[in-house]
Every structure is written in C-alpha cells, then in structure tokens.
Amino acid sequence: MNRRNVIELLGEDSRKYHSCLMSTYSIDFGFFEQRLLPALHRLQIGNIHVLVDSHELEEAQQYLTAGTRAVNAGYSVQPIYTEKGVFHPKVLLLLGEKNGLLLVGSGNLTGSGLQSNEEVWSAFQVDATKEIPGHASLLLDALEWLEQWKPPEAISVVRKWNWMRQFTPWIEVLAERPRKKQVVLDDGRKAQFLGQNESTSTFDAMIEAIASRGVERLTCVSPFFDQDASGLRALSERFNAKNLDVLLDVDRVPFDPFKGPLFFHWNSRWIDDEKSAKGRLHAKLYHFVLDDGVEALYVG
C-alpha cells in the first residue's frame, strides 16, 4: 500500500482515456470543478458522467452559486434513487481505446474525500496495446455493475453510456469471452470486483468466499458503526475469528466497547511520516487472515 493522492493516479498522458464514469455518495461541486474536472480535461477526456445519491445531490445543489457549476460544465450528473438505504459506492472508471483505469475505494467526490481524509483505494490499470491483460475483466465487471443505473430514456445521457463501450474495443472483446469470478494478477494474487445487488449483499459475498474455513484474525477499519454495533457483532458472530481487531475513531463511535474485539483508536496505530499529516479516518476495509495462511482483503 502506498500513500498517494487519487488525482495523481490519473497520470499525465493525454488521449489515453476518452471516458470517465464515477459514482459517489456525496459531491462538492466547487472542489469537483476546480480540482478533479481540470485534471480530466487536461487528459482530453470529454465523456464524463457522475452518479450521485439523490438526497445528497439535492443537498449539494442547495449550495450552488452563479460561479459554481456552469451549465453541464463539460460533464453530466445523474441522481440515483434507492428504495432501501443510500447509494454509497465510490468507483472511478476511466476508459480509452487501448487503456483503462479502475479505482474502487472509500472517498467521495469532495475535497476531504480525495485529498485530506484517510481513505483507502484499490487501483487496477489496463494497457491493451499489445494484448488484453487478464485482470482487465475487473473493469468490465465494474462497468456492467454500474450499467444497472443506465437510464432507459434521457437520450443525451444514454448516448454517453453507449459511447463508452463503442470506443473501447477491448471491453467488447472481453464481453465475448468466458469470465471467472476471480482474476489472477501479475504477482499471483487474486482479485474480484464485488457489487452489492438486490439478492446478494457484500456480507453474503464475504461469507461465500470464506466458506467454512477458520479465521485466525479479522481486522476491521471503519469510521461509522450502527448505534448498537449490529454490523460489527454480525461479523464477529459469523466468522468467529480467534482475534478480532477494530480500528476506529473513538470520538465518533456511538456504542460502548464490548467484550470480544480489541478496539484501537486509529491515531494509536499511526506510523509517523514527516511527509504526511493525519487526516480524518474515512477508510473502510476488512482484512481476513485464514487458518490456512490465505489472506483476503475487502476494500470499499
């Protein structure tokens, strides 16, 4: 893991990508237009579409001024309505004729989410100049998962969605090939894109992957918890880890620590680095160490 600014991962190669599809829970239009949008335009990315939780989008629009967000400003925004819960994924997908970049993490499209918070991201880059790498199917998985919110109407928006595939030939090649749930990366590790749907939750996916194998240690990192810690208790009871460590911000925890897990204030785990300052904890991850030595890391 490296300490990097997400915007730096976009690179400096213009015309490498033509489309950018992003999902976020909340958005700060001022930050987005002043910091992220110029970076995308410098790369000559012209097809930019943002999916935002409908309630958070309404909240953000209340603070718009005449100087913030010109009409469409070179990108489009689509509110996402959900019957249960909120729209919460943070995905940044860049597509090009021969290249791709997938970022899946915890940061919203805000200044704190992409610059100052302590966030965590997974990044997968694709260079299909000579051949399509095996892990490229992760980007197709992410695109197909996001496409469930592709509107049936709104011609101009649908055209943007269709354009992404039309001018990304390696994506269409992958769509014709058989796919596996997990792909093998160059270093031998396996990776999988998990997207919650109506029938399967992230918790269900973890249960399926871990199956009946014993858990030596489970480490949970989160800034938010249920009032009664029901989510954490469910993890503890289902996996029955021999060691359960919970990294949190004690000032924001709504429950009293209970028997079983070991709770750590994230500041106590900080490794001093003169080049970086501590930000607010906003990362979310689960790290499993299984009895057979296999490790599983869920980031989002």
Protein backbone atom coordinates (compact mmCIF):
# COMPACT_ATOMS: atom_id res chain seq x y z
CA MET A 1 0.00 0.00 0.00
CA ASN A 2 1.26 3.45 -0.91
CA ARG A 3 0.27 6.91 0.27
CA ARG A 4 -0.90 8.57 -2.94
CA ASN A 5 -3.28 11.30 -3.97
CA VAL A 6 -6.02 9.76 -6.11
CA ILE A 7 -5.78 12.56 -8.67
CA GLU A 8 -2.10 11.67 -9.21
CA LEU A 9 -3.13 8.20 -10.35
CA LEU A 10 -4.82 9.67 -13.41
CA GLY A 11 -1.38 10.27 -14.93
CA GLU A 12 -0.35 12.87 -17.47
CA ASP A 13 -0.86 11.06 -20.79
CA SER A 14 -3.42 12.96 -22.85
CA ARG A 15 -5.74 11.00 -25.13
CA LYS A 16 -5.07 7.83 -23.15
CA TYR A 17 -8.69 7.81 -22.00
CA HIS A 18 -11.83 9.21 -23.61
CA SER A 19 -14.47 8.47 -20.95
CA CYS A 20 -14.82 8.74 -17.19
CA LEU A 21 -17.66 7.18 -15.20
CA MET A 22 -17.80 7.98 -11.47
CA SER A 23 -20.09 7.03 -8.61
CA THR A 24 -20.23 8.77 -5.26
CA TYR A 25 -22.43 9.22 -2.22
CA SER A 26 -21.80 12.96 -1.87
CA ILE A 27 -20.32 15.62 -4.12
CA ASP A 28 -18.80 19.06 -3.64
CA PHE A 29 -19.28 20.86 -6.97
CA GLY A 30 -16.75 23.54 -6.07
CA PHE A 31 -13.98 21.02 -5.45
CA PHE A 32 -15.01 18.82 -8.35
CA GLU A 33 -14.90 21.64 -10.88
CA GLN A 34 -11.77 23.31 -9.54
CA ARG A 35 -9.60 20.24 -8.92
CA LEU A 36 -10.82 16.99 -10.48
CA LEU A 37 -12.53 18.23 -13.64
CA PRO A 38 -9.49 20.23 -14.86
CA ALA A 39 -7.33 17.13 -14.35
CA LEU A 40 -9.71 15.12 -16.53
CA HIS A 41 -9.87 17.85 -19.17
CA ARG A 42 -6.06 18.05 -19.28
CA LEU A 43 -6.13 14.39 -20.30
CA GLN A 44 -8.64 15.39 -23.01
CA ILE A 45 -11.37 13.20 -21.53
CA GLY A 46 -14.60 14.53 -22.97
CA ASN A 47 -17.20 11.96 -21.94
CA ILE A 48 -17.67 12.44 -18.17
CA HIS A 49 -20.66 11.15 -16.23
CA VAL A 50 -21.23 11.18 -12.46
CA LEU A 51 -23.70 9.07 -10.45
CA VAL A 52 -24.69 10.63 -7.11
CA ASP A 53 -27.06 9.61 -4.33
CA SER A 54 -30.27 11.57 -4.99
CA HIS A 55 -30.64 13.00 -1.48
CA GLU A 56 -27.00 14.10 -1.31
CA LEU A 57 -27.26 15.66 -4.75
CA GLU A 58 -30.22 17.75 -3.64
CA GLU A 59 -28.23 18.85 -0.60
CA ALA A 60 -25.20 19.81 -2.71
CA GLN A 61 -27.32 21.78 -5.18
CA GLN A 62 -28.62 23.99 -2.40
CA TYR A 63 -25.15 25.49 -2.03
CA LEU A 64 -24.54 26.17 -5.70
CA THR A 65 -23.81 29.76 -6.67
CA ALA A 66 -23.66 31.51 -10.03
CA GLY A 67 -19.91 30.92 -10.09
CA THR A 68 -20.18 27.24 -9.27
CA ARG A 69 -21.03 24.71 -11.90
CA ALA A 70 -21.66 26.21 -15.28
CA VAL A 71 -24.41 24.56 -17.33
CA ASN A 72 -23.24 20.94 -17.53
CA ALA A 73 -19.66 22.28 -17.37
CA GLY A 74 -18.39 19.52 -19.63
CA TYR A 75 -19.93 16.68 -17.65
CA SER A 76 -23.30 15.23 -16.70
CA VAL A 77 -24.74 14.27 -13.31
CA GLN A 78 -27.32 11.58 -12.70
CA PRO A 79 -29.20 11.26 -9.37
CA ILE A 80 -29.60 7.67 -8.15
CA TYR A 81 -32.73 6.80 -6.19
CA THR A 82 -32.76 3.73 -3.95
CA GLU A 83 -35.70 2.09 -2.19
CA LYS A 84 -33.55 0.86 0.72
CA GLY A 85 -30.54 2.56 2.21
CA VAL A 86 -28.49 5.02 0.15
CA PHE A 87 -26.38 4.95 -2.99
CA HIS A 88 -22.91 4.63 -1.49
CA PRO A 89 -20.32 3.15 -3.93
CA LYS A 90 -17.19 5.11 -4.78
CA VAL A 91 -15.93 3.99 -8.16
CA LEU A 92 -13.86 5.88 -10.73
CA LEU A 93 -13.62 4.16 -14.11
CA LEU A 94 -11.55 5.59 -16.97
CA LEU A 95 -11.87 4.00 -20.41
CA GLY A 96 -9.84 4.52 -23.58
CA GLU A 97 -9.29 2.84 -26.91
CA LYS A 98 -6.35 0.84 -25.56
CA ASN A 99 -6.22 1.73 -21.86
CA GLY A 100 -8.30 1.67 -18.72
CA LEU A 101 -8.09 2.56 -15.04
CA LEU A 102 -10.36 1.35 -12.25
CA LEU A 103 -10.32 2.89 -8.77
CA VAL A 104 -12.54 1.43 -6.05
CA GLY A 105 -12.36 2.98 -2.62
CA SER A 106 -13.88 4.95 0.22
CA GLY A 107 -13.56 8.59 -0.82
CA ASN A 108 -16.42 10.77 -2.04
CA LEU A 109 -16.08 13.42 -4.75
CA THR A 110 -15.22 16.09 -2.21
CA GLY A 111 -12.06 17.83 -1.10
CA SER A 112 -11.88 15.76 2.08
CA GLY A 113 -12.69 12.54 0.22
CA LEU A 114 -9.95 12.88 -2.37
CA GLN A 115 -7.35 14.98 -0.55
CA SER A 116 -7.40 15.29 3.23
CA ASN A 117 -9.22 12.28 4.71
CA GLU A 118 -7.53 8.99 5.48
CA GLU A 119 -9.05 6.92 2.67
CA VAL A 120 -8.16 3.63 1.02
CA TRP A 121 -8.32 2.76 -2.68
CA SER A 122 -7.61 -0.20 -4.93
CA ALA A 123 -6.27 0.68 -8.40
CA PHE A 124 -6.16 -1.53 -11.49
CA GLN A 125 -4.58 -0.27 -14.71
CA VAL A 126 -5.03 -1.81 -18.14
CA ASP A 127 -2.74 -1.46 -21.15
CA ALA A 128 -4.25 -3.37 -24.06
CA THR A 129 -1.80 -2.01 -26.64
CA LYS A 130 -0.42 -5.49 -27.43
CA GLU A 131 -2.81 -7.86 -25.68
CA ILE A 132 -5.63 -7.61 -23.19
CA PRO A 133 -4.36 -8.50 -19.67
CA GLY A 134 -6.36 -11.00 -17.63
CA HIS A 135 -7.24 -8.52 -14.91
CA ALA A 136 -8.94 -6.26 -17.48
CA SER A 137 -12.17 -8.16 -16.83
CA LEU A 138 -12.36 -6.33 -13.48
CA LEU A 139 -13.07 -3.13 -15.40
CA LEU A 140 -15.79 -4.84 -17.42
CA ASP A 141 -17.32 -6.20 -14.21
CA ALA A 142 -17.35 -2.69 -12.75
CA LEU A 143 -18.86 -1.19 -15.91
CA GLU A 144 -21.59 -3.82 -16.11
CA TRP A 145 -22.43 -3.34 -12.45
CA LEU A 146 -22.70 0.43 -12.90
CA GLU A 147 -24.78 -0.02 -16.04
CA GLN A 148 -27.74 -1.19 -13.97
CA TRP A 149 -28.34 2.55 -13.42
CA LYS A 150 -28.16 3.37 -17.12
CA PRO A 151 -31.38 5.32 -17.70
CA PRO A 152 -33.90 3.82 -20.17
CA GLU A 153 -34.66 7.26 -21.56
CA ALA A 154 -32.81 10.62 -21.46
CA ILE A 155 -31.30 10.29 -24.94
CA SER A 156 -28.27 12.51 -24.32
CA VAL A 157 -27.27 10.57 -21.18
CA VAL A 158 -27.84 7.17 -22.79
CA ARG A 159 -25.64 8.30 -25.67
CA LYS A 160 -22.81 8.98 -23.20
CA TRP A 161 -23.15 5.48 -21.73
CA ASN A 162 -23.20 3.83 -25.15
CA TRP A 163 -20.24 5.91 -26.32
CA MET A 164 -18.06 4.40 -23.58
CA ARG A 165 -18.44 0.92 -24.99
CA GLN A 166 -18.45 1.91 -28.64
CA PHE A 167 -14.98 3.44 -28.47
CA THR A 168 -13.46 0.91 -26.05
CA PRO A 169 -12.94 -2.13 -28.32
CA TRP A 170 -11.09 -4.25 -25.76
CA ILE A 171 -14.13 -4.05 -23.45
CA GLU A 172 -16.30 -5.53 -26.19
CA VAL A 173 -13.73 -8.27 -26.84
CA LEU A 174 -13.82 -9.19 -23.15
CA ALA A 175 -17.62 -9.25 -23.17
CA GLU A 176 -17.48 -12.08 -25.73
CA ARG A 177 -15.12 -14.22 -23.63
CA PRO A 178 -15.94 -16.61 -20.77
CA ARG A 179 -15.21 -14.99 -17.39
CA LYS A 180 -14.35 -16.19 -13.93
CA LYS A 181 -15.35 -14.56 -10.66
CA GLN A 182 -11.73 -14.02 -9.70
CA VAL A 183 -8.79 -12.98 -11.89
CA VAL A 184 -5.11 -13.64 -11.25
CA LEU A 185 -2.91 -10.55 -11.11
CA ASP A 186 0.69 -10.40 -12.34
CA ASP A 187 2.04 -11.06 -8.84
CA GLY A 188 -0.12 -14.15 -8.35
CA ARG A 189 -2.74 -12.58 -6.10
CA LYS A 190 -6.40 -12.98 -7.00
CA ALA A 191 -8.86 -10.10 -7.27
CA GLN A 192 -12.61 -9.79 -7.69
CA PHE A 193 -15.00 -6.89 -8.17
CA LEU A 194 -17.90 -7.13 -5.73
CA GLY A 195 -21.02 -5.11 -6.31
CA GLN A 196 -23.98 -5.43 -4.00
CA ASN A 197 -27.33 -6.13 -5.68
CA GLU A 198 -30.91 -6.88 -4.64
CA SER A 199 -30.20 -10.54 -3.92
CA THR A 200 -26.60 -10.51 -2.64
CA SER A 201 -25.01 -8.18 -0.10
CA THR A 202 -21.31 -7.58 0.48
CA PHE A 203 -21.69 -9.59 3.69
CA ASP A 204 -23.14 -12.50 1.70
CA ALA A 205 -20.21 -12.34 -0.72
CA MET A 206 -17.70 -12.48 2.14
CA ILE A 207 -19.48 -15.48 3.64
CA GLU A 208 -19.39 -17.29 0.30
CA ALA A 209 -15.69 -16.57 -0.21
CA ILE A 210 -14.56 -17.54 3.29
CA ALA A 211 -16.98 -20.52 3.41
CA SER A 212 -16.20 -22.90 6.28
CA ARG A 213 -12.51 -22.01 6.62
CA GLY A 214 -11.37 -20.85 10.03
CA VAL A 215 -10.37 -17.23 10.60
CA GLU A 216 -7.20 -16.63 12.57
CA ARG A 217 -7.52 -12.84 12.59
CA LEU A 218 -10.05 -10.33 11.32
CA THR A 219 -9.20 -6.63 11.23
CA CYS A 220 -11.99 -4.12 10.62
CA VAL A 221 -11.39 -0.47 9.80
CA SER A 222 -14.37 1.89 9.71
CA PRO A 223 -15.30 5.45 10.68
CA PHE A 224 -19.00 4.60 11.09
CA PHE A 225 -20.95 1.99 13.05
CA ASP A 226 -24.58 1.17 13.90
CA GLN A 227 -25.87 2.61 17.16
CA ASP A 228 -25.92 -0.92 18.62
CA ALA A 229 -22.85 -2.14 16.68
CA SER A 230 -25.10 -4.72 14.98
CA GLY A 231 -22.93 -4.88 11.85
CA LEU A 232 -19.77 -5.46 13.83
CA ARG A 233 -21.49 -8.03 16.03
CA ALA A 234 -22.72 -9.88 12.91
CA LEU A 235 -19.15 -10.07 11.58
CA SER A 236 -17.90 -11.30 14.95
CA GLU A 237 -20.57 -13.97 15.32
CA ARG A 238 -20.47 -15.27 11.72
CA PHE A 239 -16.72 -15.60 11.32
CA ASN A 240 -15.81 -16.30 14.96
CA ALA A 241 -12.26 -15.06 14.43
CA LYS A 242 -9.71 -16.09 17.04
CA ASN A 243 -8.58 -12.46 17.05
CA LEU A 244 -10.80 -9.52 16.11
CA ASP A 245 -9.20 -6.08 15.91
CA VAL A 246 -11.27 -2.97 15.25
CA LEU A 247 -9.62 0.26 14.14
CA LEU A 248 -11.86 3.31 14.67
CA ASP A 249 -12.15 6.92 15.67
CA VAL A 250 -13.19 6.75 19.33
CA ASP A 251 -14.70 10.23 19.16
CA ARG A 252 -17.31 9.06 16.64
CA VAL A 253 -18.29 5.64 18.00
CA PRO A 254 -21.94 5.51 19.18
CA PHE A 255 -21.59 2.40 21.37
CA ASP A 256 -19.50 1.31 24.34
CA PRO A 257 -16.73 -1.19 23.53
CA PHE A 258 -17.94 -4.71 24.27
CA LYS A 259 -16.26 -7.99 25.09
CA GLY A 260 -14.60 -9.91 22.28
CA PRO A 261 -12.98 -7.43 19.86
CA LEU A 262 -9.92 -5.38 20.67
CA PHE A 263 -10.62 -1.73 19.91
CA PHE A 264 -7.87 0.65 18.77
CA HIS A 265 -8.06 4.38 18.17
CA TRP A 266 -6.62 4.77 14.68
CA ASN A 267 -4.25 7.51 15.92
CA SER A 268 -2.52 4.92 18.11
CA ARG A 269 -1.69 2.84 15.01
CA TRP A 270 -0.28 5.77 13.07
CA ILE A 271 3.28 5.47 11.77
CA ASP A 272 4.86 8.90 11.89
CA ASP A 273 5.78 10.22 8.47
CA GLU A 274 7.19 13.70 8.09
CA LYS A 275 5.80 13.88 4.56
CA SER A 276 2.20 13.39 5.56
CA ALA A 277 -0.21 14.73 8.12
CA LYS A 278 -3.00 12.86 9.82
CA GLY A 279 -6.44 13.32 8.34
CA ARG A 280 -9.86 12.19 9.47
CA LEU A 281 -10.38 8.43 9.30
CA HIS A 282 -12.80 7.60 6.49
CA ALA A 283 -11.33 4.36 5.13
CA LYS A 284 -13.35 1.12 5.17
CA LEU A 285 -11.72 -2.29 4.91
CA TYR A 286 -11.87 -5.84 6.22
CA HIS A 287 -8.73 -7.96 6.38
CA PHE A 288 -9.05 -11.71 6.96
CA VAL A 289 -6.13 -13.99 7.84
CA LEU A 290 -7.37 -17.56 7.48
CA ASP A 291 -6.11 -20.64 9.30
CA ASP A 292 -4.57 -21.97 6.09
CA GLY A 293 -2.46 -18.82 5.70
CA VAL A 294 -4.57 -17.29 2.93
CA GLU A 295 -5.36 -13.57 3.32
CA ALA A 296 -8.45 -11.79 1.99
CA LEU A 297 -8.78 -8.02 1.84
CA TYR A 298 -12.05 -6.20 1.11
CA VAL A 299 -11.74 -2.50 0.25
CA GLY A 300 -14.56 -0.09 -0.47
